[in-house]
Amino acid sequence: MAEMRAALGRDAHLIFESNRILDHIEADVCLAVVGGDEADVKPAFAGCLRHADGIVVRAARHAGMVDLPASARIFELEDFAPISLEMMDWLTSRLGAADGN
């Protein structure tokens, strides 16, 4: 992590596809993606959900999910192709706040 920060600078945003990275860093924004069946959920994902600022779910699956944290913003997508304008605005706002803008 120190090498990446030194190479990129403190103002750079890094995107990690990892649940366990949250054991090592404090993320400016944590976005969890629920994509598979509940039986396929990795144990580390529960920790990710505790840190999640936003959660992306398929709209059809959201109704049956009761364990999502109430504090997280839920983004329902029909599929995981392009993200919605609402989600893009939310991310831009969160990352701008992290930068102090």
C-alpha atoms as a PDB file:
ATOM      1  CA  MET A   1       0.000   0.000   0.000  1.00  0.00           C
ATOM      2  CA  ALA A   2       2.786   2.428   0.861  1.00  0.00           C
ATOM      3  CA  GLU A   3       4.446   1.828  -2.514  1.00  0.00           C
ATOM      4  CA  MET A   4       1.170   2.435  -4.367  1.00  0.00           C
ATOM      5  CA  ARG A   5       0.467   5.644  -2.442  1.00  0.00           C
ATOM      6  CA  ALA A   6       4.012   6.895  -3.097  1.00  0.00           C
ATOM      7  CA  ALA A   7       3.709   6.152  -6.815  1.00  0.00           C
ATOM      8  CA  LEU A   8       0.235   7.651  -7.227  1.00  0.00           C
ATOM      9  CA  GLY A   9       0.158  10.401  -4.607  1.00  0.00           C
ATOM     10  CA  ARG A  10      -2.380  11.016  -1.862  1.00  0.00           C
ATOM     11  CA  ASP A  11      -4.923  12.634  -4.197  1.00  0.00           C
ATOM     12  CA  ALA A  12      -5.367   9.543  -6.371  1.00  0.00           C
ATOM     13  CA  HIS A  13      -8.390   7.318  -5.982  1.00  0.00           C
ATOM     14  CA  LEU A  14      -7.670   3.599  -6.067  1.00  0.00           C
ATOM     15  CA  ILE A  15     -10.279   0.982  -6.857  1.00  0.00           C
ATOM     16  CA  PHE A  16      -9.899  -2.436  -5.257  1.00  0.00           C
ATOM     17  CA  GLU A  17     -11.937  -5.517  -6.006  1.00  0.00           C
ATOM     18  CA  SER A  18     -11.421  -7.053  -2.601  1.00  0.00           C
ATOM     19  CA  ASN A  19     -13.372  -7.641   0.586  1.00  0.00           C
ATOM     20  CA  ARG A  20     -10.283  -8.080   2.752  1.00  0.00           C
ATOM     21  CA  ILE A  21      -8.559  -4.843   1.767  1.00  0.00           C
ATOM     22  CA  LEU A  22     -10.778  -3.189   4.384  1.00  0.00           C
ATOM     23  CA  ASP A  23      -8.723  -4.979   7.036  1.00  0.00           C
ATOM     24  CA  HIS A  24      -5.732  -2.863   5.933  1.00  0.00           C
ATOM     25  CA  ILE A  25      -7.051   0.517   4.814  1.00  0.00           C
ATOM     26  CA  GLU A  26      -9.843   2.940   5.590  1.00  0.00           C
ATOM     27  CA  ALA A  27     -11.665   3.477   2.321  1.00  0.00           C
ATOM     28  CA  ASP A  28     -13.005   6.884   1.282  1.00  0.00           C
ATOM     29  CA  VAL A  29     -15.940   5.039  -0.276  1.00  0.00           C
ATOM     30  CA  CYS A  30     -16.832   1.370   0.071  1.00  0.00           C
ATOM     31  CA  LEU A  31     -19.198   0.040  -2.569  1.00  0.00           C
ATOM     32  CA  ALA A  32     -20.357  -3.574  -2.217  1.00  0.00           C
ATOM     33  CA  VAL A  33     -21.794  -5.495  -5.153  1.00  0.00           C
ATOM     34  CA  VAL A  34     -24.215  -8.341  -4.520  1.00  0.00           C
ATOM     35  CA  GLY A  35     -24.242 -10.413  -7.664  1.00  0.00           C
ATOM     36  CA  GLY A  36     -24.616 -14.105  -6.955  1.00  0.00           C
ATOM     37  CA  ASP A  37     -26.821 -16.389  -4.947  1.00  0.00           C
ATOM     38  CA  GLU A  38     -26.720 -16.144  -1.163  1.00  0.00           C
ATOM     39  CA  ALA A  39     -25.125 -19.608  -1.081  1.00  0.00           C
ATOM     40  CA  ASP A  40     -22.180 -18.185  -3.073  1.00  0.00           C
ATOM     41  CA  VAL A  41     -21.446 -15.328  -0.635  1.00  0.00           C
ATOM     42  CA  LYS A  42     -17.920 -15.465   0.802  1.00  0.00           C
ATOM     43  CA  PRO A  43     -17.535 -15.064   4.586  1.00  0.00           C
ATOM     44  CA  ALA A  44     -15.336 -11.968   4.083  1.00  0.00           C
ATOM     45  CA  PHE A  45     -18.267 -10.261   2.352  1.00  0.00           C
ATOM     46  CA  ALA A  46     -20.063  -9.861   5.703  1.00  0.00           C
ATOM     47  CA  GLY A  47     -17.189  -7.640   6.837  1.00  0.00           C
ATOM     48  CA  CYS A  48     -17.403  -5.660   3.633  1.00  0.00           C
ATOM     49  CA  LEU A  49     -21.116  -5.060   4.205  1.00  0.00           C
ATOM     50  CA  ARG A  50     -20.368  -3.592   7.649  1.00  0.00           C
ATOM     51  CA  HIS A  51     -18.152  -0.967   5.965  1.00  0.00           C
ATOM     52  CA  ALA A  52     -20.316  -0.379   2.882  1.00  0.00           C
ATOM     53  CA  ASP A  53     -21.391   3.159   2.094  1.00  0.00           C
ATOM     54  CA  GLY A  54     -23.345   1.905  -0.911  1.00  0.00           C
ATOM     55  CA  ILE A  55     -24.587  -1.473  -2.077  1.00  0.00           C
ATOM     56  CA  VAL A  56     -25.344  -2.454  -5.657  1.00  0.00           C
ATOM     57  CA  VAL A  57     -27.926  -5.210  -6.071  1.00  0.00           C
ATOM     58  CA  ARG A  58     -29.964  -6.608  -8.887  1.00  0.00           C
ATOM     59  CA  ALA A  59     -33.432  -5.123  -8.504  1.00  0.00           C
ATOM     60  CA  ALA A  60     -35.065  -8.556  -8.596  1.00  0.00           C
ATOM     61  CA  ARG A  61     -32.883  -9.809  -5.696  1.00  0.00           C
ATOM     62  CA  HIS A  62     -33.180  -6.834  -3.356  1.00  0.00           C
ATOM     63  CA  ALA A  63     -36.663  -7.708  -2.062  1.00  0.00           C
ATOM     64  CA  GLY A  64     -35.444 -10.932  -0.435  1.00  0.00           C
ATOM     65  CA  MET A  65     -32.309  -9.510   1.176  1.00  0.00           C
ATOM     66  CA  VAL A  66     -32.944  -8.620   4.807  1.00  0.00           C
ATOM     67  CA  ASP A  67     -29.344  -8.369   6.079  1.00  0.00           C
ATOM     68  CA  LEU A  68     -28.317  -5.194   4.246  1.00  0.00           C
ATOM     69  CA  PRO A  69     -27.171  -2.394   6.568  1.00  0.00           C
ATOM     70  CA  ALA A  70     -29.734   0.384   6.917  1.00  0.00           C
ATOM     71  CA  SER A  71     -26.981   3.035   6.810  1.00  0.00           C
ATOM     72  CA  ALA A  72     -25.854   2.122   3.268  1.00  0.00           C
ATOM     73  CA  ARG A  73     -27.278   3.624   0.093  1.00  0.00           C
ATOM     74  CA  ILE A  74     -28.887   0.883  -2.029  1.00  0.00           C
ATOM     75  CA  PHE A  75     -28.580   1.038  -5.817  1.00  0.00           C
ATOM     76  CA  GLU A  76     -30.873  -1.352  -7.661  1.00  0.00           C
ATOM     77  CA  LEU A  77     -29.811  -2.203 -11.202  1.00  0.00           C
ATOM     78  CA  GLU A  78     -31.623  -4.344 -13.724  1.00  0.00           C
ATOM     79  CA  ASP A  79     -28.266  -5.791 -14.736  1.00  0.00           C
ATOM     80  CA  PHE A  80     -24.636  -4.955 -14.052  1.00  0.00           C
ATOM     81  CA  ALA A  81     -23.963  -3.228 -17.363  1.00  0.00           C
ATOM     82  CA  PRO A  82     -23.748   0.595 -17.190  1.00  0.00           C
ATOM     83  CA  ILE A  83     -24.284   2.264 -13.836  1.00  0.00           C
ATOM     84  CA  SER A  84     -27.171   4.653 -13.362  1.00  0.00           C
ATOM     85  CA  LEU A  85     -26.798   8.424 -13.471  1.00  0.00           C
ATOM     86  CA  GLU A  86     -28.002   8.487  -9.838  1.00  0.00           C
ATOM     87  CA  MET A  87     -25.155   6.182  -8.805  1.00  0.00           C
ATOM     88  CA  MET A  88     -22.584   8.163 -10.812  1.00  0.00           C
ATOM     89  CA  ASP A  89     -23.691  11.407  -9.119  1.00  0.00           C
ATOM     90  CA  TRP A  90     -23.512   9.763  -5.682  1.00  0.00           C
ATOM     91  CA  LEU A  91     -19.994   8.421  -6.317  1.00  0.00           C
ATOM     92  CA  THR A  92     -18.779  11.752  -7.690  1.00  0.00           C
ATOM     93  CA  SER A  93     -20.154  13.524  -4.623  1.00  0.00           C
ATOM     94  CA  ARG A  94     -18.588  11.038  -2.172  1.00  0.00           C
ATOM     95  CA  LEU A  95     -15.185  11.115  -3.826  1.00  0.00           C
ATOM     96  CA  GLY A  96     -15.266  14.914  -4.032  1.00  0.00           C
ATOM     97  CA  ALA A  97     -16.032  15.074  -0.303  1.00  0.00           C
ATOM     98  CA  ALA A  98     -13.103  12.721   0.384  1.00  0.00           C
ATOM     99  CA  ASP A  99     -10.846  15.111  -1.533  1.00  0.00           C
ATOM    100  CA  GLY A 100     -12.157  18.091   0.433  1.00  0.00           C
ATOM    101  CA  ASN A 101     -13.945  19.545  -2.616  1.00  0.00           C
END
